[in-house]
Amino acid sequence: MLLRKQIHLPKQFLLAAQISDYLKDGRNLDEFTEFEDKTKKLTVDEVHAAFKKYFDTSKFVLVYAGDFSKK
């Protein structure tokens, strides 16, 4: 139960912050729900296509940190 609350609480704060930003900017909350609906309808192929369009994977950098002597 506690773990579920730990996971759920940050999501509530994020949602509250997003709604606050919409209201602060004078935007209608309908835009918020429309955006959420649109993102839920995206397919994996559409997300992959957008990723390929806007990101150059040859310029990605992977960083590994930690103690790799331990297994």
PDB file of N, CA and C in Angstrom:
ATOM      1  N   MET A   1       0.818  -1.191   0.000  1.00  0.00           N
ATOM      2  CA  MET A   1       0.000   0.000   0.000  1.00  0.00           C
ATOM      3  C   MET A   1       0.866   1.262   0.000  1.00  0.00           C
ATOM      4  N   LEU A   2       1.919   1.283   0.832  1.00  0.00           N
ATOM      5  CA  LEU A   2       2.790   2.448   0.912  1.00  0.00           C
ATOM      6  C   LEU A   2       3.519   2.664  -0.415  1.00  0.00           C
ATOM      7  N   LEU A   3       3.998   1.584  -1.013  1.00  0.00           N
ATOM      8  CA  LEU A   3       4.689   1.697  -2.301  1.00  0.00           C
ATOM      9  C   LEU A   3       3.761   2.273  -3.366  1.00  0.00           C
ATOM     10  N   ARG A   4       2.525   1.848  -3.371  1.00  0.00           N
ATOM     11  CA  ARG A   4       1.550   2.358  -4.334  1.00  0.00           C
ATOM     12  C   ARG A   4       1.361   3.866  -4.148  1.00  0.00           C
ATOM     13  N   LYS A   5       1.318   4.321  -2.894  1.00  0.00           N
ATOM     14  CA  LYS A   5       1.180   5.752  -2.619  1.00  0.00           C
ATOM     15  C   LYS A   5       2.429   6.514  -3.052  1.00  0.00           C
ATOM     16  N   GLN A   6       3.611   5.914  -2.864  1.00  0.00           N
ATOM     17  CA  GLN A   6       4.856   6.560  -3.264  1.00  0.00           C
ATOM     18  C   GLN A   6       4.914   6.741  -4.775  1.00  0.00           C
ATOM     19  N   ILE A   7       4.376   5.804  -5.513  1.00  0.00           N
ATOM     20  CA  ILE A   7       4.363   5.882  -6.973  1.00  0.00           C
ATOM     21  C   ILE A   7       3.279   6.842  -7.436  1.00  0.00           C
ATOM     22  N   HIS A   8       2.126   6.820  -6.788  1.00  0.00           N
ATOM     23  CA  HIS A   8       0.976   7.618  -7.215  1.00  0.00           C
ATOM     24  C   HIS A   8       1.137   9.105  -6.901  1.00  0.00           C
ATOM     25  N   LEU A   9       1.743   9.431  -5.766  1.00  0.00           N
ATOM     26  CA  LEU A   9       1.853  10.820  -5.329  1.00  0.00           C
ATOM     27  C   LEU A   9       2.608  11.710  -6.322  1.00  0.00           C
ATOM     28  N   PRO A  10       3.778  11.290  -6.829  1.00  0.00           N
ATOM     29  CA  PRO A  10       4.460  12.152  -7.812  1.00  0.00           C
ATOM     30  C   PRO A  10       3.618  12.412  -9.062  1.00  0.00           C
ATOM     31  N   LYS A  11       2.824  11.434  -9.467  1.00  0.00           N
ATOM     32  CA  LYS A  11       1.957  11.621 -10.630  1.00  0.00           C
ATOM     33  C   LYS A  11       0.904  12.692 -10.346  1.00  0.00           C
ATOM     34  N   GLN A  12       0.405  12.705  -9.107  1.00  0.00           N
ATOM     35  CA  GLN A  12      -0.585  13.716  -8.737  1.00  0.00           C
ATOM     36  C   GLN A  12       0.037  15.115  -8.763  1.00  0.00           C
ATOM     37  N   PHE A  13       1.275  15.226  -8.262  1.00  0.00           N
ATOM     38  CA  PHE A  13       1.954  16.521  -8.278  1.00  0.00           C
ATOM     39  C   PHE A  13       2.202  16.986  -9.704  1.00  0.00           C
ATOM     40  N   LEU A  14       2.599  16.071 -10.580  1.00  0.00           N
ATOM     41  CA  LEU A  14       2.840  16.422 -11.982  1.00  0.00           C
ATOM     42  C   LEU A  14       1.550  16.891 -12.635  1.00  0.00           C
ATOM     43  N   LEU A  15       0.480  16.183 -12.409  1.00  0.00           N
ATOM     44  CA  LEU A  15      -0.814  16.563 -12.965  1.00  0.00           C
ATOM     45  C   LEU A  15      -1.245  17.934 -12.441  1.00  0.00           C
ATOM     46  N   ALA A  16      -1.087  18.159 -11.144  1.00  0.00           N
ATOM     47  CA  ALA A  16      -1.450  19.457 -10.556  1.00  0.00           C
ATOM     48  C   ALA A  16      -0.616  20.580 -11.151  1.00  0.00           C
ATOM     49  N   ALA A  17       0.674  20.333 -11.374  1.00  0.00           N
ATOM     50  CA  ALA A  17       1.554  21.349 -11.959  1.00  0.00           C
ATOM     51  C   ALA A  17       1.143  21.658 -13.396  1.00  0.00           C
ATOM     52  N   GLN A  18       0.804  20.618 -14.158  1.00  0.00           N
ATOM     53  CA  GLN A  18       0.377  20.831 -15.543  1.00  0.00           C
ATOM     54  C   GLN A  18      -0.916  21.638 -15.604  1.00  0.00           C
ATOM     55  N   ILE A  19      -1.868  21.294 -14.766  1.00  0.00           N
ATOM     56  CA  ILE A  19      -3.143  22.025 -14.735  1.00  0.00           C
ATOM     57  C   ILE A  19      -2.905  23.466 -14.297  1.00  0.00           C
ATOM     58  N   SER A  20      -2.047  23.649 -13.308  1.00  0.00           N
ATOM     59  CA  SER A  20      -1.713  24.997 -12.840  1.00  0.00           C
ATOM     60  C   SER A  20      -1.106  25.832 -13.969  1.00  0.00           C
ATOM     61  N   ASP A  21      -0.207  25.229 -14.752  1.00  0.00           N
ATOM     62  CA  ASP A  21       0.403  25.942 -15.884  1.00  0.00           C
ATOM     63  C   ASP A  21      -0.645  26.346 -16.912  1.00  0.00           C
ATOM     64  N   TYR A  22      -1.569  25.450 -17.196  1.00  0.00           N
ATOM     65  CA  TYR A  22      -2.633  25.768 -18.157  1.00  0.00           C
ATOM     66  C   TYR A  22      -3.456  26.961 -17.669  1.00  0.00           C
ATOM     67  N   LEU A  23      -3.837  26.927 -16.404  1.00  0.00           N
ATOM     68  CA  LEU A  23      -4.659  28.002 -15.852  1.00  0.00           C
ATOM     69  C   LEU A  23      -3.880  29.314 -15.775  1.00  0.00           C
ATOM     70  N   LYS A  24      -2.607  29.230 -15.407  1.00  0.00           N
ATOM     71  CA  LYS A  24      -1.765  30.422 -15.301  1.00  0.00           C
ATOM     72  C   LYS A  24      -1.600  31.084 -16.667  1.00  0.00           C
ATOM     73  N   ASP A  25      -1.514  30.269 -17.711  1.00  0.00           N
ATOM     74  CA  ASP A  25      -1.347  30.787 -19.073  1.00  0.00           C
ATOM     75  C   ASP A  25      -2.676  31.179 -19.712  1.00  0.00           C
ATOM     76  N   GLY A  26      -3.772  31.027 -18.969  1.00  0.00           N
ATOM     77  CA  GLY A  26      -5.083  31.408 -19.481  1.00  0.00           C
ATOM     78  C   GLY A  26      -5.620  30.447 -20.527  1.00  0.00           C
ATOM     79  N   ARG A  27      -5.110  29.224 -20.507  1.00  0.00           N
ATOM     80  CA  ARG A  27      -5.562  28.229 -21.483  1.00  0.00           C
ATOM     81  C   ARG A  27      -6.752  27.461 -20.934  1.00  0.00           C
ATOM     82  N   ASN A  28      -7.566  26.974 -21.835  1.00  0.00           N
ATOM     83  CA  ASN A  28      -8.752  26.207 -21.489  1.00  0.00           C
ATOM     84  C   ASN A  28      -8.325  24.779 -21.144  1.00  0.00           C
ATOM     85  N   LEU A  29      -8.893  24.217 -20.102  1.00  0.00           N
ATOM     86  CA  LEU A  29      -8.544  22.850 -19.712  1.00  0.00           C
ATOM     87  C   LEU A  29      -8.995  21.814 -20.738  1.00  0.00           C
ATOM     88  N   ASP A  30      -9.879  22.214 -21.657  1.00  0.00           N
ATOM     89  CA  ASP A  30     -10.258  21.297 -22.735  1.00  0.00           C
ATOM     90  C   ASP A  30      -9.039  20.936 -23.576  1.00  0.00           C
ATOM     91  N   GLU A  31      -8.118  21.889 -23.747  1.00  0.00           N
ATOM     92  CA  GLU A  31      -6.884  21.622 -24.493  1.00  0.00           C
ATOM     93  C   GLU A  31      -6.074  20.530 -23.804  1.00  0.00           C
ATOM     94  N   PHE A  32      -6.073  20.560 -22.473  1.00  0.00           N
ATOM     95  CA  PHE A  32      -5.338  19.569 -21.694  1.00  0.00           C
ATOM     96  C   PHE A  32      -5.885  18.169 -21.942  1.00  0.00           C
ATOM     97  N   THR A  33      -7.201  18.030 -21.874  1.00  0.00           N
ATOM     98  CA  THR A  33      -7.806  16.713 -22.075  1.00  0.00           C
ATOM     99  C   THR A  33      -7.704  16.268 -23.530  1.00  0.00           C
ATOM    100  N   GLU A  34      -7.782  17.216 -24.471  1.00  0.00           N
ATOM    101  CA  GLU A  34      -7.622  16.872 -25.885  1.00  0.00           C
ATOM    102  C   GLU A  34      -6.210  16.351 -26.149  1.00  0.00           C
ATOM    103  N   PHE A  35      -5.214  17.004 -25.560  1.00  0.00           N
ATOM    104  CA  PHE A  35      -3.830  16.560 -25.723  1.00  0.00           C
ATOM    105  C   PHE A  35      -3.651  15.153 -25.168  1.00  0.00           C
ATOM    106  N   GLU A  36      -4.216  14.914 -23.998  1.00  0.00           N
ATOM    107  CA  GLU A  36      -4.126  13.592 -23.385  1.00  0.00           C
ATOM    108  C   GLU A  36      -4.793  12.539 -24.267  1.00  0.00           C
ATOM    109  N   ASP A  37      -5.955  12.855 -24.813  1.00  0.00           N
ATOM    110  CA  ASP A  37      -6.657  11.918 -25.696  1.00  0.00           C
ATOM    111  C   ASP A  37      -5.833  11.614 -26.944  1.00  0.00           C
ATOM    112  N   LYS A  38      -5.227  12.651 -27.520  1.00  0.00           N
ATOM    113  CA  LYS A  38      -4.418  12.463 -28.732  1.00  0.00           C
ATOM    114  C   LYS A  38      -3.202  11.580 -28.454  1.00  0.00           C
ATOM    115  N   THR A  39      -2.542  11.800 -27.326  1.00  0.00           N
ATOM    116  CA  THR A  39      -1.350  11.003 -27.023  1.00  0.00           C
ATOM    117  C   THR A  39      -1.713   9.547 -26.740  1.00  0.00           C
ATOM    118  N   LYS A  40      -2.878   9.316 -26.155  1.00  0.00           N
ATOM    119  CA  LYS A  40      -3.298   7.940 -25.889  1.00  0.00           C
ATOM    120  C   LYS A  40      -3.591   7.176 -27.175  1.00  0.00           C
ATOM    121  N   LYS A  41      -3.947   7.899 -28.244  1.00  0.00           N
ATOM    122  CA  LYS A  41      -4.294   7.262 -29.513  1.00  0.00           C
ATOM    123  C   LYS A  41      -3.080   6.968 -30.390  1.00  0.00           C
ATOM    124  N   LEU A  42      -1.895   7.482 -29.998  1.00  0.00           N
ATOM    125  CA  LEU A  42      -0.702   7.273 -30.812  1.00  0.00           C
ATOM    126  C   LEU A  42      -0.334   5.795 -30.874  1.00  0.00           C
ATOM    127  N   THR A  43       0.114   5.380 -32.045  1.00  0.00           N
ATOM    128  CA  THR A  43       0.596   4.009 -32.200  1.00  0.00           C
ATOM    129  C   THR A  43       2.106   3.991 -32.003  1.00  0.00           C
ATOM    130  N   VAL A  44       2.645   2.810 -31.796  1.00  0.00           N
ATOM    131  CA  VAL A  44       4.093   2.652 -31.648  1.00  0.00           C
ATOM    132  C   VAL A  44       4.798   3.139 -32.916  1.00  0.00           C
ATOM    133  N   ASP A  45       4.251   2.826 -34.069  1.00  0.00           N
ATOM    134  CA  ASP A  45       4.860   3.246 -35.331  1.00  0.00           C
ATOM    135  C   ASP A  45       4.889   4.766 -35.466  1.00  0.00           C
ATOM    136  N   GLU A  46       3.838   5.443 -35.017  1.00  0.00           N
ATOM    137  CA  GLU A  46       3.808   6.904 -35.078  1.00  0.00           C
ATOM    138  C   GLU A  46       4.858   7.522 -34.148  1.00  0.00           C
ATOM    139  N   VAL A  47       5.014   6.928 -32.973  1.00  0.00           N
ATOM    140  CA  VAL A  47       6.023   7.426 -32.028  1.00  0.00           C
ATOM    141  C   VAL A  47       7.421   7.200 -32.597  1.00  0.00           C
ATOM    142  N   HIS A  48       7.660   6.029 -33.165  1.00  0.00           N
ATOM    143  CA  HIS A  48       8.966   5.745 -33.779  1.00  0.00           C
ATOM    144  C   HIS A  48       9.260   6.705 -34.926  1.00  0.00           C
ATOM    145  N   ALA A  49       8.281   6.980 -35.745  1.00  0.00           N
ATOM    146  CA  ALA A  49       8.463   7.905 -36.867  1.00  0.00           C
ATOM    147  C   ALA A  49       8.813   9.306 -36.369  1.00  0.00           C
ATOM    148  N   ALA A  50       8.129   9.764 -35.343  1.00  0.00           N
ATOM    149  CA  ALA A  50       8.419  11.090 -34.780  1.00  0.00           C
ATOM    150  C   ALA A  50       9.812  11.118 -34.175  1.00  0.00           C
ATOM    151  N   PHE A  51      10.181  10.048 -33.500  1.00  0.00           N
ATOM    152  CA  PHE A  51      11.511   9.975 -32.898  1.00  0.00           C
ATOM    153  C   PHE A  51      12.586  10.062 -33.978  1.00  0.00           C
ATOM    154  N   LYS A  52      12.419   9.288 -35.044  1.00  0.00           N
ATOM    155  CA  LYS A  52      13.396   9.315 -36.132  1.00  0.00           C
ATOM    156  C   LYS A  52      13.460  10.676 -36.812  1.00  0.00           C
ATOM    157  N   LYS A  53      12.334  11.372 -36.868  1.00  0.00           N
ATOM    158  CA  LYS A  53      12.281  12.675 -37.522  1.00  0.00           C
ATOM    159  C   LYS A  53      13.021  13.744 -36.714  1.00  0.00           C
ATOM    160  N   TYR A  54      12.904  13.705 -35.394  1.00  0.00           N
ATOM    161  CA  TYR A  54      13.419  14.792 -34.565  1.00  0.00           C
ATOM    162  C   TYR A  54      14.709  14.488 -33.805  1.00  0.00           C
ATOM    163  N   PHE A  55      15.142  13.235 -33.784  1.00  0.00           N
ATOM    164  CA  PHE A  55      16.346  12.868 -33.040  1.00  0.00           C
ATOM    165  C   PHE A  55      17.341  12.157 -33.947  1.00  0.00           C
ATOM    166  N   ASP A  56      18.594  12.551 -33.836  1.00  0.00           N
ATOM    167  CA  ASP A  56      19.683  11.923 -34.582  1.00  0.00           C
ATOM    168  C   ASP A  56      20.413  10.995 -33.627  1.00  0.00           C
ATOM    169  N   THR A  57      20.161   9.701 -33.742  1.00  0.00           N
ATOM    170  CA  THR A  57      20.735   8.742 -32.804  1.00  0.00           C
ATOM    171  C   THR A  57      22.251   8.635 -32.925  1.00  0.00           C
ATOM    172  N   SER A  58      22.827   9.095 -34.028  1.00  0.00           N
ATOM    173  CA  SER A  58      24.285   9.070 -34.149  1.00  0.00           C
ATOM    174  C   SER A  58      24.931  10.092 -33.219  1.00  0.00           C
ATOM    175  N   LYS A  59      24.144  11.014 -32.697  1.00  0.00           N
ATOM    176  CA  LYS A  59      24.661  12.040 -31.783  1.00  0.00           C
ATOM    177  C   LYS A  59      24.338  11.734 -30.324  1.00  0.00           C
ATOM    178  N   PHE A  60      23.769  10.571 -30.058  1.00  0.00           N
ATOM    179  CA  PHE A  60      23.451  10.199 -28.683  1.00  0.00           C
ATOM    180  C   PHE A  60      24.724   9.842 -27.937  1.00  0.00           C
ATOM    181  N   VAL A  61      24.731  10.092 -26.650  1.00  0.00           N
ATOM    182  CA  VAL A  61      25.844   9.734 -25.786  1.00  0.00           C
ATOM    183  C   VAL A  61      25.284   8.889 -24.649  1.00  0.00           C
ATOM    184  N   LEU A  62      25.905   7.740 -24.432  1.00  0.00           N
ATOM    185  CA  LEU A  62      25.502   6.881 -23.318  1.00  0.00           C
ATOM    186  C   LEU A  62      26.507   7.062 -22.191  1.00  0.00           C
ATOM    187  N   VAL A  63      26.016   7.260 -20.992  1.00  0.00           N
ATOM    188  CA  VAL A  63      26.875   7.450 -19.837  1.00  0.00           C
ATOM    189  C   VAL A  63      26.553   6.356 -18.837  1.00  0.00           C
ATOM    190  N   TYR A  64      27.582   5.661 -18.411  1.00  0.00           N
ATOM    191  CA  TYR A  64      27.423   4.620 -17.409  1.00  0.00           C
ATOM    192  C   TYR A  64      28.147   5.067 -16.150  1.00  0.00           C
ATOM    193  N   ALA A  65      27.513   4.905 -15.020  1.00  0.00           N
ATOM    194  CA  ALA A  65      28.133   5.295 -13.757  1.00  0.00           C
ATOM    195  C   ALA A  65      27.869   4.221 -12.716  1.00  0.00           C
ATOM    196  N   GLY A  66      28.782   4.098 -11.806  1.00  0.00           N
ATOM    197  CA  GLY A  66      28.596   3.131 -10.734  1.00  0.00           C
ATOM    198  C   GLY A  66      29.821   2.282 -10.535  1.00  0.00           C
ATOM    199  N   ASP A  67      29.707   1.349  -9.639  1.00  0.00           N
ATOM    200  CA  ASP A  67      30.793   0.425  -9.337  1.00  0.00           C
ATOM    201  C   ASP A  67      30.554  -0.850 -10.130  1.00  0.00           C
ATOM    202  N   PHE A  68      31.271  -0.995 -11.224  1.00  0.00           N
ATOM    203  CA  PHE A  68      31.046  -2.131 -12.120  1.00  0.00           C
ATOM    204  C   PHE A  68      31.819  -3.378 -11.702  1.00  0.00           C
ATOM    205  N   SER A  69      32.607  -3.269 -10.624  1.00  0.00           N
ATOM    206  CA  SER A  69      33.323  -4.451 -10.152  1.00  0.00           C
ATOM    207  C   SER A  69      32.392  -5.378  -9.376  1.00  0.00           C
ATOM    208  N   LYS A  70      31.280  -4.841  -8.904  1.00  0.00           N
ATOM    209  CA  LYS A  70      30.300  -5.641  -8.166  1.00  0.00           C
ATOM    210  C   LYS A  70      29.286  -6.225  -9.135  1.00  0.00           C
ATOM    211  N   LYS A  71      28.815  -7.402  -8.805  1.00  0.00           N
ATOM    212  CA  LYS A  71      27.790  -8.028  -9.644  1.00  0.00           C
ATOM    213  C   LYS A  71      26.554  -8.272  -8.853  1.00  0.00           C
TER     214      LYS A  71
END
